[in-house]
Amino acid sequence: MPGTTPYFSTDFTLGILGGGQLGKMLLYQTRKWDIATKVLDPSAAAPARLACNTFVEGDLMDYDTVMAFGRDVDVLTIEIENVNVSALEDLEEQGVRVYPPPGMLRTIQNKASQKLFYTDKGIPTAPFNRFAYTSEIRDSLSNGGLSFPFVWKSARFGYDGQGVKVVRGSKDLEGLPNVECIAEHLVDFTTELAVIVARNPGGEVTTYPVVEMEFHPEANQVEYVLCPARIPDHLAQKARETALKAASAYGAVGLLAVELFLTPEGDILVNEVAPRPHNSGHFSLEGSYTDQFEQHLRAILDLPLGKTDNKVATVMVNLVGEEGYRGPVRYDGIGDILAMPGVSPHIYGKRETRPFRKMGHVTIADASLEKARETAALVKSRIRVQSNTEEK
């Protein structure tokens, strides 16, 4: 019959590489649609272990583990980039549908390759230098090939603010790992933005509203996400067009989160991308007609994409482990924030906290973005992610 699909309440199985909070929230939607799921994660305590049909504990970077996991699923997707791409390429050769496409993922996994991709495709990005080893940076500084300040980024395995450091002088180079890296021009920007693009195999594409990101000054993590961004319409349109250009160049299938810099001159530069649901899209759980996790499912299953308009202005607050605490988590102030209008906490299910570890988020929905931002500041001041064990 026209319009029927083989996904719902059938033997169809969706495989998910990674069982963290993004996997857990993706499973909100697979449960709603009764889609069978199989999850692979290295931790026996992974948040997604409870909501999937089958949980497998194993190394996401191990070729044989990923191959064995993926052979009996129909579609395979990711919630984290650090997976064995060679296995994904071979699984695709064997007939498993893999989204995002493995070739795209291989490029994105390496920040140097990612930056070269933007240069080759004419996608605006900050100038950069590529180094096989961090130790080569001092030679480049000596011969005039590079100058302070710049942003050092590890080419591989950077995540949640790790593997990134602003280098203003020689002292800042001390202690950096001697790995493949880039030295990126320190962009003079006014605002950090992000756009979530959704694209299905049939070529249907849509974007979510542009969001504005406010970062924690020490952890280099997103602290607040505001939707819609407080920028003029013509700049929002420019940001969406840049994100769409990146998604088209990659041949993206699923979601592509595109992080952007807005400069004082009105230029939009691509910082980096993530080919999966993203922290900058969590606002959509309460704020959008179709949240990013449902949209990712629609895209990778080649279903019609959902409406991405905002129902209401939304601000997201990340809940991270407080400095000075490490051990079994304790959330102080949940009752206080639940008494505030429009507040929805999402706790990820990680039992151990440590400084700046992402433990949850809170969305605040309001007809007024300004009021939502004010409430977000109150939420941030009232809730504490701590432990009974203090670090020494």
Protein backbone atom coordinates (compact mmCIF):
# COMPACT_ATOMS: atom_id res chain seq x y z
CA MET A 1 0.00 0.00 0.00
CA PRO A 2 1.25 3.53 -0.77
CA GLY A 3 2.75 5.27 2.23
CA THR A 4 3.53 2.10 4.17
CA THR A 5 7.04 1.49 5.54
CA PRO A 6 8.81 -1.64 6.82
CA TYR A 7 10.08 0.04 9.98
CA PHE A 8 7.25 0.13 12.51
CA SER A 9 6.45 -2.92 14.67
CA THR A 10 8.46 -5.22 12.41
CA ASP A 11 11.74 -7.15 12.47
CA PHE A 12 13.57 -4.16 10.99
CA THR A 13 16.51 -3.24 13.27
CA LEU A 14 18.25 0.10 13.62
CA GLY A 15 21.84 -0.12 14.86
CA ILE A 16 23.30 2.78 16.85
CA LEU A 17 27.02 3.14 17.48
CA GLY A 18 27.30 4.86 20.85
CA GLY A 19 25.05 4.67 23.87
CA GLY A 20 25.53 8.05 25.51
CA GLN A 21 22.95 10.77 26.08
CA LEU A 22 22.39 11.33 22.35
CA GLY A 23 21.67 7.65 21.88
CA LYS A 24 19.34 7.70 24.86
CA MET A 25 17.38 10.64 23.46
CA LEU A 26 17.23 9.03 20.01
CA LEU A 27 15.63 6.05 21.71
CA TYR A 28 12.83 8.33 22.98
CA GLN A 29 11.66 8.33 19.37
CA THR A 30 12.32 4.69 18.45
CA ARG A 31 10.16 3.69 21.43
CA LYS A 32 7.44 6.08 20.30
CA TRP A 33 7.46 4.49 16.84
CA ASP A 34 8.17 0.91 18.00
CA ILE A 35 11.34 0.57 15.95
CA ALA A 36 13.65 -2.22 17.17
CA THR A 37 17.13 -1.01 18.13
CA LYS A 38 20.54 -2.45 18.85
CA VAL A 39 23.18 -0.28 20.60
CA LEU A 40 26.96 -0.70 20.89
CA ASP A 41 28.90 1.15 23.59
CA PRO A 42 32.14 0.47 25.51
CA SER A 43 30.51 1.14 28.89
CA ALA A 44 28.24 -1.37 30.64
CA ALA A 45 26.60 1.65 32.31
CA ALA A 46 25.85 3.53 29.07
CA PRO A 47 22.67 5.67 29.39
CA ALA A 48 21.10 4.06 26.28
CA ARG A 49 21.39 0.51 27.61
CA LEU A 50 17.93 0.61 29.22
CA ALA A 51 15.78 1.71 26.27
CA CYS A 52 17.17 -0.35 23.38
CA ASN A 53 16.05 -3.85 22.43
CA THR A 54 19.61 -5.22 22.40
CA PHE A 55 22.66 -3.76 24.12
CA VAL A 56 26.19 -4.84 23.22
CA GLU A 57 29.23 -3.80 25.23
CA GLY A 58 32.24 -3.28 22.98
CA ASP A 59 34.91 -0.97 21.55
CA LEU A 60 33.57 1.44 18.92
CA MET A 61 37.05 1.78 17.39
CA ASP A 62 37.64 -1.97 17.01
CA TYR A 63 37.10 -3.19 13.44
CA ASP A 64 35.96 -6.72 14.29
CA THR A 65 33.59 -5.52 17.03
CA VAL A 66 31.87 -3.00 14.75
CA MET A 67 31.66 -5.52 11.90
CA ALA A 68 30.08 -8.19 14.11
CA PHE A 69 27.65 -5.64 15.53
CA GLY A 70 26.59 -4.22 12.18
CA ARG A 71 26.08 -7.39 10.16
CA ASP A 72 22.57 -8.08 11.45
CA VAL A 73 21.12 -4.55 11.42
CA ASP A 74 19.29 -2.98 8.50
CA VAL A 75 20.37 0.65 8.98
CA LEU A 76 23.37 1.74 11.02
CA THR A 77 23.84 5.24 12.45
CA ILE A 78 26.05 6.95 15.03
CA GLU A 79 25.74 9.20 18.06
CA ILE A 80 29.50 9.85 18.27
CA GLU A 81 32.11 10.36 15.54
CA ASN A 82 34.89 8.26 17.09
CA VAL A 83 34.01 4.93 15.48
CA ASN A 84 35.86 2.55 13.13
CA VAL A 85 35.13 3.94 9.67
CA SER A 86 36.85 1.07 7.83
CA ALA A 87 34.26 -1.29 9.32
CA LEU A 88 31.45 1.05 8.26
CA GLU A 89 32.79 1.14 4.70
CA ASP A 90 32.91 -2.66 4.57
CA LEU A 91 29.44 -3.02 6.08
CA GLU A 92 28.11 -0.65 3.43
CA GLU A 93 29.74 -2.83 0.77
CA GLN A 94 27.87 -5.81 2.27
CA GLY A 95 24.51 -4.06 1.91
CA VAL A 96 23.99 -2.38 5.28
CA ARG A 97 22.71 1.17 4.89
CA VAL A 98 25.10 3.38 6.86
CA TYR A 99 24.25 7.01 7.69
CA PRO A 100 26.07 9.33 7.82
CA PRO A 101 27.96 8.04 4.76
CA PRO A 102 31.30 6.56 5.88
CA GLY A 103 33.36 8.71 3.48
CA MET A 104 31.84 11.85 4.96
CA LEU A 105 32.51 10.60 8.47
CA ARG A 106 36.15 9.85 7.60
CA THR A 107 36.67 13.47 6.53
CA ILE A 108 34.92 14.90 9.57
CA GLN A 109 36.81 12.70 12.06
CA ASN A 110 40.02 14.58 11.28
CA LYS A 111 39.86 18.36 11.84
CA ALA A 112 42.72 18.95 9.41
CA SER A 113 40.93 17.01 6.65
CA GLN A 114 37.70 18.79 7.55
CA LYS A 115 39.31 22.22 7.16
CA LEU A 116 40.94 21.24 3.84
CA PHE A 117 37.52 20.07 2.64
CA TYR A 118 36.03 23.53 3.27
CA THR A 119 38.91 25.17 1.41
CA ASP A 120 38.49 22.82 -1.56
CA LYS A 121 34.71 23.33 -1.70
CA GLY A 122 34.77 27.12 -1.33
CA ILE A 123 33.05 27.04 2.05
CA PRO A 124 34.14 30.01 4.20
CA THR A 125 36.25 29.06 7.21
CA ALA A 126 39.05 30.57 9.30
CA PRO A 127 42.61 30.42 7.87
CA PHE A 128 44.71 27.62 9.33
CA ASN A 129 48.02 25.75 9.22
CA ARG A 130 48.28 21.97 9.35
CA PHE A 131 51.01 20.17 11.30
CA ALA A 132 51.91 16.48 11.50
CA TYR A 133 53.08 17.08 15.10
CA THR A 134 52.56 19.86 17.63
CA SER A 135 56.36 20.15 17.98
CA GLU A 136 56.53 21.58 14.44
CA ILE A 137 54.63 24.68 15.55
CA ARG A 138 57.68 26.24 17.25
CA ASP A 139 59.69 25.98 14.00
CA SER A 140 56.86 27.63 12.09
CA LEU A 141 56.74 30.45 14.64
CA SER A 142 60.51 30.92 14.33
CA ASN A 143 60.52 31.17 10.54
CA GLY A 144 57.48 33.42 10.32
CA GLY A 145 55.06 30.85 8.93
CA LEU A 146 52.81 31.30 11.98
CA SER A 147 52.29 34.02 14.57
CA PHE A 148 50.47 34.45 17.88
CA PRO A 149 47.63 34.27 18.76
CA PHE A 150 46.04 31.17 17.28
CA VAL A 151 43.81 28.26 18.29
CA TRP A 152 45.52 24.88 18.61
CA LYS A 153 43.24 21.95 17.77
CA SER A 154 44.09 18.27 17.89
CA ALA A 155 43.22 16.75 14.51
CA ARG A 156 41.71 13.66 16.12
CA PHE A 157 39.59 12.75 19.13
CA GLY A 158 38.74 16.24 20.37
CA TYR A 159 35.37 16.28 22.14
CA ASP A 160 33.38 18.54 24.50
CA GLY A 161 36.05 21.21 24.65
CA GLN A 162 38.94 18.76 24.88
CA GLY A 163 41.75 18.97 22.33
CA VAL A 164 41.36 22.75 21.86
CA LYS A 165 43.45 25.56 23.34
CA VAL A 166 43.90 29.26 22.62
CA VAL A 167 47.64 29.89 22.26
CA ARG A 168 48.64 33.49 22.96
CA GLY A 169 52.32 32.88 23.67
CA SER A 170 55.04 30.23 23.88
CA LYS A 171 54.05 29.27 27.40
CA ASP A 172 50.63 28.14 26.16
CA LEU A 173 52.31 25.48 24.01
CA GLU A 174 53.72 23.73 27.04
CA GLY A 175 52.05 20.44 27.88
CA LEU A 176 50.16 20.09 24.60
CA PRO A 177 50.23 16.52 23.21
CA ASN A 178 52.61 15.99 20.29
CA VAL A 179 49.96 14.93 17.78
CA GLU A 180 48.65 15.86 14.35
CA CYS A 181 46.98 19.24 14.74
CA ILE A 182 45.97 22.52 13.19
CA ALA A 183 46.76 26.08 14.21
CA GLU A 184 43.71 28.12 13.33
CA HIS A 185 43.56 31.89 13.03
CA LEU A 186 41.92 33.34 16.15
CA VAL A 187 38.72 34.70 14.67
CA ASP A 188 37.40 38.06 15.84
CA PHE A 189 33.74 37.08 16.10
CA THR A 190 30.70 38.68 17.68
CA THR A 191 28.56 35.56 18.08
CA GLU A 192 28.86 31.79 17.78
CA LEU A 193 25.95 30.31 15.88
CA ALA A 194 24.79 26.86 14.85
CA VAL A 195 22.39 25.45 12.27
CA ILE A 196 21.03 21.90 12.21
CA VAL A 197 20.50 20.64 8.66
CA ALA A 198 18.43 17.52 7.95
CA ARG A 199 18.76 15.67 4.64
CA ASN A 200 17.36 12.31 3.52
CA PRO A 201 18.67 9.95 0.78
CA GLY A 202 16.00 11.22 -1.58
CA GLY A 203 17.53 14.70 -1.43
CA GLU A 204 14.84 16.41 0.66
CA VAL A 205 16.54 18.95 2.91
CA THR A 206 15.52 21.40 5.61
CA THR A 207 17.12 23.48 8.36
CA TYR A 208 16.21 24.39 11.91
CA PRO A 209 16.23 28.03 12.98
CA VAL A 210 19.67 29.50 13.65
CA VAL A 211 20.67 29.25 17.30
CA GLU A 212 23.05 31.38 19.33
CA MET A 213 25.57 29.68 21.61
CA GLU A 214 27.13 31.07 24.76
CA PHE A 215 30.25 29.25 25.96
CA HIS A 216 31.72 28.60 29.40
CA PRO A 217 34.95 30.65 29.50
CA GLU A 218 37.05 27.92 31.14
CA ALA A 219 35.66 24.61 29.88
CA ASN A 220 35.19 25.71 26.23
CA GLN A 221 31.76 24.04 26.36
CA VAL A 222 28.39 25.41 25.34
CA GLU A 223 26.68 26.78 28.44
CA TYR A 224 23.50 28.24 26.90
CA VAL A 225 21.78 27.79 23.54
CA LEU A 226 19.22 30.41 22.52
CA CYS A 227 16.66 29.80 19.79
CA PRO A 228 16.10 31.83 17.74
CA ALA A 229 19.47 33.59 17.60
CA ARG A 230 19.37 37.30 18.34
CA ILE A 231 20.61 38.38 14.89
CA PRO A 232 19.01 40.16 11.92
CA ASP A 233 17.01 38.07 9.46
CA HIS A 234 19.47 38.58 6.59
CA LEU A 235 22.31 37.18 8.70
CA ALA A 236 20.17 34.24 9.81
CA GLN A 237 19.44 33.49 6.15
CA LYS A 238 23.14 33.73 5.32
CA ALA A 239 23.94 31.27 8.12
CA ARG A 240 21.34 28.80 6.86
CA GLU A 241 22.63 29.07 3.29
CA THR A 242 26.20 28.40 4.47
CA ALA A 243 25.05 25.35 6.45
CA LEU A 244 23.09 24.03 3.45
CA LYS A 245 26.15 24.46 1.23
CA ALA A 246 28.22 22.39 3.67
CA ALA A 247 25.58 19.64 3.87
CA SER A 248 25.30 19.47 0.09
CA ALA A 249 29.08 19.33 -0.38
CA TYR A 250 29.35 16.45 2.08
CA GLY A 251 26.39 14.56 0.61
CA ALA A 252 25.04 14.39 4.16
CA VAL A 253 22.27 11.97 5.11
CA GLY A 254 20.74 12.40 8.55
CA LEU A 255 21.53 15.47 10.60
CA LEU A 256 24.49 17.79 10.15
CA ALA A 257 25.10 20.30 12.94
CA VAL A 258 27.09 23.22 11.53
CA GLU A 259 28.86 25.48 14.03
CA LEU A 260 29.55 28.99 12.74
CA PHE A 261 31.29 32.24 13.62
CA LEU A 262 29.60 35.58 12.89
CA THR A 263 32.23 38.32 12.46
CA PRO A 264 31.77 42.08 13.07
CA GLU A 265 31.81 42.56 9.28
CA GLY A 266 28.85 40.20 8.88
CA ASP A 267 30.84 37.26 7.50
CA ILE A 268 29.74 33.73 8.34
CA LEU A 269 32.57 31.20 8.80
CA VAL A 270 32.21 27.46 9.35
CA ASN A 271 33.97 26.38 12.54
CA GLU A 272 33.29 22.64 12.46
CA VAL A 273 30.46 20.18 11.94
CA ALA A 274 28.98 17.09 13.60
CA PRO A 275 27.07 14.50 11.48
CA ARG A 276 24.53 13.51 14.15
CA PRO A 277 22.11 14.97 16.71
CA HIS A 278 23.93 17.73 18.56
CA ASN A 279 23.94 19.70 21.78
CA SER A 280 22.92 22.80 19.84
CA GLY A 281 19.69 21.06 18.81
CA HIS A 282 18.44 19.97 22.23
CA PHE A 283 16.15 23.02 22.37
CA SER A 284 14.01 21.24 19.77
CA LEU A 285 12.73 18.66 22.27
CA GLU A 286 10.43 21.27 23.75
CA GLY A 287 10.68 24.12 21.25
CA SER A 288 10.11 22.62 17.78
CA TYR A 289 7.29 20.91 15.95
CA THR A 290 9.71 18.08 15.11
CA ASP A 291 12.62 17.55 17.48
CA GLN A 292 16.08 16.79 16.13
CA PHE A 293 16.03 13.12 17.19
CA GLU A 294 12.79 12.34 15.37
CA GLN A 295 14.14 14.30 12.41
CA HIS A 296 17.32 12.21 12.36
CA LEU A 297 15.19 9.06 12.21
CA ARG A 298 13.03 10.49 9.45
CA ALA A 299 16.14 11.39 7.46
CA ILE A 300 18.08 8.13 7.74
CA LEU A 301 14.93 6.08 7.05
CA ASP A 302 14.15 8.22 3.96
CA LEU A 303 10.83 9.36 5.39
CA PRO A 304 9.32 12.82 4.79
CA LEU A 305 11.13 15.41 6.92
CA GLY A 306 9.18 17.10 9.70
CA LYS A 307 8.33 20.74 10.28
CA THR A 308 11.27 22.58 11.85
CA ASP A 309 9.62 25.85 12.89
CA ASN A 310 9.70 26.90 16.53
CA LYS A 311 6.52 26.47 18.54
CA VAL A 312 7.97 28.79 21.17
CA ALA A 313 11.23 30.57 22.01
CA THR A 314 13.58 28.24 23.88
CA VAL A 315 16.80 28.46 25.85
CA MET A 316 18.84 25.40 26.78
CA VAL A 317 21.14 25.21 29.78
CA ASN A 318 23.79 22.49 29.89
CA LEU A 319 24.16 20.72 33.23
CA VAL A 320 27.79 19.80 33.78
CA GLY A 321 29.69 18.43 36.73
CA GLU A 322 30.77 21.15 39.10
CA GLU A 323 34.44 21.83 39.66
CA GLY A 324 35.84 20.18 42.77
CA TYR A 325 33.56 17.13 42.72
CA ARG A 326 34.13 13.64 41.36
CA GLY A 327 32.16 10.50 42.21
CA PRO A 328 28.53 9.32 42.48
CA VAL A 329 26.38 12.17 41.20
CA ARG A 330 24.02 14.27 43.32
CA TYR A 331 21.63 16.82 41.79
CA ASP A 332 20.82 19.68 44.15
CA GLY A 333 18.03 22.09 43.29
CA ILE A 334 15.89 20.02 40.90
CA GLY A 335 12.78 20.80 42.93
CA ASP A 336 13.56 24.51 42.80
CA ILE A 337 13.82 24.63 39.02
CA LEU A 338 10.71 22.49 38.49
CA ALA A 339 8.76 25.23 40.25
CA MET A 340 9.77 27.67 37.49
CA PRO A 341 7.44 28.09 34.48
CA GLY A 342 8.38 26.38 31.24
CA VAL A 343 11.32 24.41 32.70
CA SER A 344 12.02 20.83 31.53
CA PRO A 345 15.07 18.98 32.90
CA HIS A 346 16.65 16.09 31.02
CA ILE A 347 18.96 13.93 33.14
CA TYR A 348 21.24 11.71 31.07
CA GLY A 349 21.62 8.80 33.49
CA LYS A 350 25.38 9.00 34.07
CA ARG A 351 25.96 7.85 37.62
CA GLU A 352 29.47 9.34 38.02
CA THR A 353 30.18 13.06 37.85
CA ARG A 354 33.47 14.87 37.25
CA PRO A 355 34.34 18.51 36.51
CA PHE A 356 32.61 19.76 33.35
CA ARG A 357 31.22 16.34 32.37
CA LYS A 358 27.89 16.73 30.56
CA MET A 359 25.30 15.23 32.92
CA GLY A 360 22.06 16.67 31.56
CA HIS A 361 20.40 19.76 30.21
CA VAL A 362 17.40 21.95 30.98
CA THR A 363 15.19 23.62 28.41
CA ILE A 364 13.19 26.74 29.19
CA ALA A 365 10.29 27.54 26.86
CA ASP A 366 8.60 30.96 26.88
CA ALA A 367 6.77 33.24 24.47
CA SER A 368 9.55 35.76 25.18
CA LEU A 369 13.16 34.81 24.44
CA GLU A 370 14.33 37.46 26.89
CA LYS A 371 12.25 35.96 29.71
CA ALA A 372 13.46 32.47 28.81
CA ARG A 373 17.07 33.69 29.04
CA GLU A 374 16.39 35.26 32.44
CA THR A 375 14.88 32.00 33.69
CA ALA A 376 17.88 30.12 32.28
CA ALA A 377 20.21 32.22 34.43
CA LEU A 378 18.06 31.41 37.48
CA VAL A 379 18.19 27.70 36.61
CA LYS A 380 21.97 27.92 36.34
CA SER A 381 22.21 29.55 39.77
CA ARG A 382 19.86 27.10 41.52
CA ILE A 383 20.93 23.68 40.29
CA ARG A 384 24.21 22.01 41.23
CA VAL A 385 25.70 18.81 39.83
CA GLN A 386 27.88 17.58 42.67
CA SER A 387 28.93 14.51 44.60
CA ASN A 388 29.38 13.65 48.24
CA THR A 389 33.06 13.18 47.35
CA GLU A 390 35.12 16.34 46.89
CA GLU A 391 38.29 16.33 44.79
CA LYS A 392 41.53 16.86 46.65
